[in-house]
Structures are given as structure tokens and as C-alpha cells.
N, C-alpha and C. Protein backbone atom coordinates (compact mmCIF):
# COMPACT_ATOMS: atom_id res chain seq x y z
N MET A 1 52.16 77.54 -29.33
CA MET A 1 52.58 76.52 -28.39
C MET A 1 54.10 76.62 -28.23
N GLY A 2 54.58 76.30 -27.02
CA GLY A 2 56.01 76.39 -26.72
C GLY A 2 56.78 75.20 -27.22
N ASP A 3 57.97 75.08 -26.70
CA ASP A 3 58.87 73.99 -27.07
C ASP A 3 58.35 72.69 -26.47
N THR A 4 57.96 71.74 -27.31
CA THR A 4 57.45 70.45 -26.82
C THR A 4 58.52 69.36 -26.89
N THR A 5 59.78 69.75 -26.74
CA THR A 5 60.86 68.78 -26.74
C THR A 5 60.62 67.74 -25.66
N LEU A 6 60.63 66.48 -26.05
CA LEU A 6 60.34 65.38 -25.14
C LEU A 6 61.63 64.73 -24.66
N GLU A 7 61.67 64.48 -23.36
CA GLU A 7 62.77 63.73 -22.76
C GLU A 7 62.16 62.52 -22.05
N ILE A 8 62.77 61.36 -22.25
CA ILE A 8 62.28 60.12 -21.64
C ILE A 8 63.39 59.52 -20.79
N GLU A 9 63.04 59.16 -19.57
CA GLU A 9 63.96 58.45 -18.69
C GLU A 9 63.42 57.03 -18.51
N THR A 10 64.31 56.05 -18.61
CA THR A 10 63.91 54.66 -18.42
C THR A 10 64.72 54.04 -17.29
N GLU A 11 64.18 52.98 -16.75
CA GLU A 11 64.88 52.27 -15.68
C GLU A 11 66.15 51.60 -16.21
N SER A 12 66.07 51.04 -17.38
CA SER A 12 67.20 50.23 -17.87
C SER A 12 68.06 50.91 -18.93
N ALA A 13 67.54 51.92 -19.61
CA ALA A 13 68.29 52.48 -20.74
C ALA A 13 68.69 53.94 -20.57
N GLY A 14 68.47 54.53 -19.41
CA GLY A 14 68.90 55.90 -19.18
C GLY A 14 67.95 56.94 -19.74
N ARG A 15 68.53 58.10 -20.14
CA ARG A 15 67.75 59.24 -20.63
C ARG A 15 67.88 59.43 -22.12
N TYR A 16 66.76 59.79 -22.73
CA TYR A 16 66.72 60.10 -24.16
C TYR A 16 66.20 61.51 -24.31
N ARG A 17 66.99 62.38 -24.92
CA ARG A 17 66.59 63.76 -25.16
C ARG A 17 66.08 63.88 -26.59
N ASN A 18 65.20 64.85 -26.83
CA ASN A 18 64.62 65.06 -28.16
C ASN A 18 63.99 63.78 -28.70
N ALA A 19 63.29 63.08 -27.85
CA ALA A 19 62.69 61.80 -28.22
C ALA A 19 61.52 61.99 -29.18
N THR A 20 61.35 61.04 -30.05
CA THR A 20 60.26 61.02 -31.01
C THR A 20 59.20 60.03 -30.53
N GLU A 21 58.08 59.97 -31.25
CA GLU A 21 57.06 58.99 -30.92
C GLU A 21 57.59 57.58 -31.15
N ALA A 22 58.43 57.40 -32.16
CA ALA A 22 59.03 56.08 -32.40
C ALA A 22 59.93 55.68 -31.23
N ASP A 23 60.67 56.64 -30.67
CA ASP A 23 61.49 56.35 -29.48
C ASP A 23 60.61 55.94 -28.31
N LEU A 24 59.53 56.69 -28.10
CA LEU A 24 58.61 56.36 -27.02
C LEU A 24 58.05 54.96 -27.19
N HIS A 25 57.64 54.62 -28.40
CA HIS A 25 57.08 53.29 -28.66
C HIS A 25 58.12 52.20 -28.38
N ARG A 26 59.33 52.39 -28.85
CA ARG A 26 60.39 51.40 -28.65
C ARG A 26 60.70 51.22 -27.17
N LEU A 27 60.84 52.33 -26.45
CA LEU A 27 61.18 52.24 -25.03
C LEU A 27 60.03 51.67 -24.21
N PHE A 28 58.79 52.05 -24.56
CA PHE A 28 57.63 51.51 -23.87
C PHE A 28 57.53 50.01 -24.09
N SER A 29 57.80 49.56 -25.31
CA SER A 29 57.68 48.13 -25.61
C SER A 29 58.74 47.30 -24.89
N GLN A 30 59.77 47.94 -24.37
CA GLN A 30 60.81 47.23 -23.64
C GLN A 30 60.43 46.95 -22.19
N LEU A 31 59.33 47.58 -21.72
CA LEU A 31 58.85 47.23 -20.38
C LEU A 31 58.35 45.79 -20.47
N GLY A 32 58.85 44.94 -19.62
CA GLY A 32 58.51 43.52 -19.75
C GLY A 32 57.67 43.00 -18.63
N ALA A 33 56.79 42.08 -18.94
CA ALA A 33 55.92 41.46 -17.93
C ALA A 33 56.73 40.66 -16.92
N GLU A 34 57.94 40.28 -17.27
CA GLU A 34 58.77 39.53 -16.32
C GLU A 34 59.75 40.42 -15.58
N THR A 35 60.07 41.58 -16.15
CA THR A 35 61.09 42.43 -15.55
C THR A 35 60.55 43.74 -15.00
N GLY A 36 59.33 44.12 -15.36
CA GLY A 36 58.79 45.39 -14.91
C GLY A 36 59.49 46.55 -15.59
N GLY A 37 59.66 47.62 -14.87
CA GLY A 37 60.34 48.79 -15.39
C GLY A 37 59.46 50.01 -15.36
N TYR A 38 60.05 51.16 -15.70
CA TYR A 38 59.31 52.41 -15.71
C TYR A 38 59.79 53.33 -16.82
N LEU A 39 58.95 54.29 -17.15
CA LEU A 39 59.28 55.39 -18.06
C LEU A 39 58.80 56.67 -17.41
N ILE A 40 59.61 57.73 -17.50
CA ILE A 40 59.22 59.06 -17.06
C ILE A 40 59.37 59.99 -18.25
N LEU A 41 58.30 60.73 -18.57
CA LEU A 41 58.31 61.66 -19.69
C LEU A 41 58.26 63.09 -19.17
N GLU A 42 59.10 63.95 -19.75
CA GLU A 42 59.09 65.36 -19.41
C GLU A 42 59.12 66.16 -20.70
N ARG A 43 58.44 67.32 -20.67
CA ARG A 43 58.44 68.22 -21.82
C ARG A 43 59.02 69.56 -21.40
N ALA A 44 59.84 70.15 -22.28
CA ALA A 44 60.50 71.42 -21.97
C ALA A 44 59.49 72.54 -21.73
N ASP A 45 58.33 72.48 -22.38
CA ASP A 45 57.33 73.54 -22.24
C ASP A 45 56.42 73.35 -21.03
N LEU A 46 56.61 72.29 -20.26
CA LEU A 46 55.75 72.02 -19.10
C LEU A 46 56.61 71.80 -17.85
N PRO A 47 57.24 72.86 -17.35
CA PRO A 47 58.05 72.68 -16.14
C PRO A 47 57.17 72.24 -14.97
N GLU A 48 57.73 71.45 -14.09
CA GLU A 48 57.02 70.90 -12.93
C GLU A 48 55.89 69.94 -13.31
N GLN A 49 55.89 69.45 -14.53
CA GLN A 49 54.89 68.50 -14.97
C GLN A 49 55.59 67.30 -15.61
N TYR A 50 54.93 66.16 -15.54
CA TYR A 50 55.47 64.96 -16.18
C TYR A 50 54.37 63.93 -16.30
N ALA A 51 54.66 62.91 -17.07
CA ALA A 51 53.82 61.71 -17.14
C ALA A 51 54.76 60.53 -16.94
N GLN A 52 54.24 59.47 -16.36
CA GLN A 52 55.09 58.31 -16.13
C GLN A 52 54.24 57.05 -16.06
N THR A 53 54.92 55.95 -16.26
CA THR A 53 54.27 54.65 -16.09
C THR A 53 55.27 53.67 -15.51
N ALA A 54 54.73 52.69 -14.83
CA ALA A 54 55.54 51.58 -14.33
C ALA A 54 54.71 50.32 -14.51
N LEU A 55 55.41 49.25 -14.76
CA LEU A 55 54.76 47.95 -14.90
C LEU A 55 54.98 47.16 -13.63
N GLU A 56 53.89 46.87 -12.94
CA GLU A 56 53.95 46.06 -11.73
C GLU A 56 53.87 44.60 -12.14
N VAL A 57 54.86 43.82 -11.79
CA VAL A 57 54.91 42.42 -12.19
C VAL A 57 54.27 41.56 -11.11
N LYS A 58 53.40 40.66 -11.56
CA LYS A 58 52.74 39.72 -10.64
C LYS A 58 52.89 38.32 -11.21
N PRO A 59 53.70 37.49 -10.57
CA PRO A 59 53.87 36.12 -11.09
C PRO A 59 52.56 35.33 -11.04
N LYS A 60 52.35 34.53 -12.04
CA LYS A 60 51.21 33.62 -12.07
C LYS A 60 51.72 32.23 -11.71
N PRO A 61 50.85 31.37 -11.23
CA PRO A 61 51.29 30.01 -10.89
C PRO A 61 51.87 29.25 -12.07
N SER A 62 51.57 29.66 -13.30
CA SER A 62 52.02 28.91 -14.47
C SER A 62 53.40 29.35 -14.97
N LEU A 63 54.14 30.10 -14.19
CA LEU A 63 55.46 30.62 -14.54
C LEU A 63 55.42 31.82 -15.49
N HIS A 64 54.28 32.15 -16.04
CA HIS A 64 54.18 33.33 -16.89
C HIS A 64 53.75 34.51 -16.03
N ALA A 65 54.48 35.59 -16.13
CA ALA A 65 54.16 36.76 -15.34
C ALA A 65 53.07 37.58 -16.05
N THR A 66 52.28 38.27 -15.27
CA THR A 66 51.32 39.22 -15.81
C THR A 66 51.66 40.58 -15.22
N GLY A 67 51.19 41.61 -15.85
CA GLY A 67 51.52 42.92 -15.35
C GLY A 67 50.34 43.86 -15.35
N ARG A 68 50.39 44.80 -14.44
CA ARG A 68 49.42 45.86 -14.38
C ARG A 68 50.22 47.15 -14.42
N TYR A 69 49.79 48.05 -15.26
CA TYR A 69 50.46 49.34 -15.38
C TYR A 69 49.84 50.34 -14.41
N VAL A 70 50.68 51.11 -13.79
CA VAL A 70 50.24 52.32 -13.12
C VAL A 70 50.72 53.45 -14.03
N VAL A 71 49.83 54.35 -14.36
CA VAL A 71 50.17 55.50 -15.19
C VAL A 71 49.79 56.75 -14.40
N GLU A 72 50.67 57.74 -14.43
CA GLU A 72 50.47 58.94 -13.64
C GLU A 72 50.81 60.17 -14.47
N TYR A 73 50.21 61.28 -14.07
CA TYR A 73 50.64 62.56 -14.61
C TYR A 73 50.55 63.60 -13.52
N ARG A 74 51.44 64.55 -13.62
CA ARG A 74 51.47 65.68 -12.70
C ARG A 74 51.28 66.92 -13.55
N ASP A 75 50.30 67.75 -13.19
CA ASP A 75 50.08 68.96 -13.98
C ASP A 75 50.21 70.20 -13.13
N GLY A 76 51.07 70.13 -12.15
CA GLY A 76 51.40 71.26 -11.28
C GLY A 76 51.97 70.72 -9.99
N PRO A 77 52.49 71.61 -9.16
CA PRO A 77 53.17 71.14 -7.96
C PRO A 77 52.26 70.41 -6.97
N HIS A 78 50.95 70.64 -7.03
CA HIS A 78 50.04 70.00 -6.08
C HIS A 78 48.92 69.24 -6.78
N SER A 79 49.12 68.84 -8.02
CA SER A 79 48.09 68.13 -8.77
C SER A 79 48.71 66.91 -9.44
N HIS A 80 48.45 65.76 -8.85
CA HIS A 80 49.05 64.51 -9.32
C HIS A 80 47.93 63.48 -9.40
N HIS A 81 47.87 62.75 -10.51
CA HIS A 81 46.79 61.79 -10.75
C HIS A 81 47.38 60.45 -11.17
N GLN A 82 46.65 59.36 -10.85
CA GLN A 82 47.10 58.04 -11.27
C GLN A 82 45.92 57.18 -11.66
N ALA A 83 46.24 56.17 -12.48
CA ALA A 83 45.25 55.19 -12.92
C ALA A 83 45.97 53.86 -13.09
N PHE A 84 45.17 52.79 -13.13
CA PHE A 84 45.72 51.44 -13.28
C PHE A 84 45.00 50.73 -14.43
N THR A 85 45.76 49.98 -15.21
CA THR A 85 45.18 49.18 -16.29
C THR A 85 46.16 48.08 -16.67
N GLU A 86 45.64 47.01 -17.24
CA GLU A 86 46.49 45.96 -17.80
C GLU A 86 46.62 46.11 -19.31
N ASP A 87 46.01 47.12 -19.87
CA ASP A 87 45.98 47.32 -21.32
C ASP A 87 47.15 48.22 -21.76
N ALA A 88 48.18 47.59 -22.30
CA ALA A 88 49.38 48.32 -22.71
C ALA A 88 49.09 49.35 -23.79
N SER A 89 48.18 49.05 -24.71
CA SER A 89 47.90 50.01 -25.79
C SER A 89 47.26 51.28 -25.24
N VAL A 90 46.43 51.15 -24.21
CA VAL A 90 45.83 52.33 -23.59
C VAL A 90 46.91 53.17 -22.91
N VAL A 91 47.81 52.51 -22.20
CA VAL A 91 48.89 53.23 -21.53
C VAL A 91 49.74 53.98 -22.55
N PHE A 92 50.09 53.31 -23.65
CA PHE A 92 50.88 53.99 -24.68
C PHE A 92 50.12 55.19 -25.23
N ASP A 93 48.83 55.05 -25.50
CA ASP A 93 48.04 56.17 -26.03
C ASP A 93 47.98 57.33 -25.04
N VAL A 94 47.88 57.04 -23.74
CA VAL A 94 47.90 58.09 -22.72
C VAL A 94 49.24 58.82 -22.76
N LEU A 95 50.33 58.07 -22.75
CA LEU A 95 51.66 58.68 -22.74
C LEU A 95 51.92 59.48 -24.00
N ALA A 96 51.59 58.92 -25.15
CA ALA A 96 51.80 59.64 -26.41
C ALA A 96 50.91 60.88 -26.47
N GLY A 97 49.68 60.76 -25.98
CA GLY A 97 48.78 61.90 -25.96
C GLY A 97 49.33 63.03 -25.11
N TRP A 98 49.83 62.69 -23.92
CA TRP A 98 50.43 63.70 -23.05
C TRP A 98 51.68 64.29 -23.71
N ALA A 99 52.55 63.41 -24.21
CA ALA A 99 53.83 63.84 -24.76
C ALA A 99 53.69 64.76 -25.96
N PHE A 100 52.70 64.50 -26.80
CA PHE A 100 52.56 65.25 -28.05
C PHE A 100 51.31 66.12 -28.08
N ASP A 101 50.78 66.39 -26.88
CA ASP A 101 49.69 67.35 -26.69
C ASP A 101 48.47 67.03 -27.55
N ARG A 102 48.04 65.77 -27.49
CA ARG A 102 46.87 65.34 -28.26
C ARG A 102 45.62 65.42 -27.41
N PRO A 103 44.52 65.84 -27.99
CA PRO A 103 43.28 65.92 -27.21
C PRO A 103 42.78 64.52 -26.83
N GLY A 104 42.10 64.45 -25.70
CA GLY A 104 41.42 63.22 -25.30
C GLY A 104 42.21 62.23 -24.48
N TRP A 105 43.50 62.43 -24.27
CA TRP A 105 44.29 61.42 -23.56
C TRP A 105 43.83 61.24 -22.11
N ARG A 106 43.32 62.29 -21.50
CA ARG A 106 42.85 62.18 -20.11
C ARG A 106 41.60 61.31 -20.00
N ASP A 107 40.87 61.13 -21.10
CA ASP A 107 39.63 60.37 -21.09
C ASP A 107 39.82 58.87 -21.27
N LEU A 108 41.06 58.42 -21.45
CA LEU A 108 41.32 57.02 -21.77
C LEU A 108 41.34 56.08 -20.56
N VAL A 109 41.55 56.64 -19.37
CA VAL A 109 41.58 55.85 -18.14
C VAL A 109 40.81 56.59 -17.05
N ALA A 110 40.52 55.90 -15.96
CA ALA A 110 39.81 56.49 -14.82
C ALA A 110 40.84 57.02 -13.83
N TRP A 111 41.10 58.30 -13.88
CA TRP A 111 42.11 58.95 -13.03
C TRP A 111 41.60 59.12 -11.60
N GLN A 112 42.50 58.98 -10.67
CA GLN A 112 42.22 59.27 -9.26
C GLN A 112 43.28 60.25 -8.78
N PRO A 113 42.88 61.23 -7.97
CA PRO A 113 43.91 62.12 -7.40
C PRO A 113 44.86 61.32 -6.52
N LEU A 114 46.12 61.67 -6.57
CA LEU A 114 47.13 61.01 -5.77
C LEU A 114 47.59 62.00 -4.70
N ASP A 115 47.38 61.67 -3.44
CA ASP A 115 47.76 62.54 -2.34
C ASP A 115 49.22 62.30 -1.97
N LEU A 116 50.04 63.29 -2.24
CA LEU A 116 51.47 63.16 -1.92
C LEU A 116 51.82 63.81 -0.59
N GLY A 117 50.79 64.25 0.14
CA GLY A 117 51.03 64.81 1.46
C GLY A 117 51.45 66.25 1.48
N PHE A 118 51.20 67.00 0.41
CA PHE A 118 51.57 68.42 0.39
C PHE A 118 50.51 69.25 1.05
């Protein structure tokens, strides 16, 4: 296997190079139901590929916000997939699975092809 050096970009905290799973967990946990946010993950051994998530914030009438995650991965210039869930632990498992090349991460959500118009 090649260099699996992980780089994470966040909306609020910038870029982290040589990120660990603990870094991913900390940065993912900073996505807030009231503030939203995103993470983009890239690996040195997977050029033109990435995984990312964003938290879509939806205010509730009770002043507490709820969120739905969109999680995506690109595995080539013309292959992009996305899924939606409100389960943060599933999103983290997908991202960590992609980032650290763990089997089964694609099976955790119902992926749909994303047409980017190419």
C-alpha cells in the first residue's frame, strides 16, 4: 500500500496535514448542529479522490437545531457518490473507514451517484 498520509480541511480550523484518527475525531466533533460546517479528507496515495461531509442545519421550532449530514466520496474524476444521514457515528465511521482504508465503509450508508455534469 502507498502513502496513506491524511490531510483534513475544515471550514473553521483550516488544514491539518499528517492527521491521525484522533485529529479526525476531534475535528468531526466540532461540526455543530447550530453552526454546520464541513470536513474534506484527502490521502496522498489517492490523487483525484477525497471524502467529505457537511452538516446541514435545520432549525426546529423549539430553538434547538437539528442536522442532517451529507457525506460524499470521489473515487475518480467521473465517479462521485453521496448519502444522507442524521447519525453522526455512522458518518464518522464512513470517514475513518475511507481515511484509513478499512473494509466495509461503503456498506454503512445508501450511496447514490452524484451527477456533476461531466
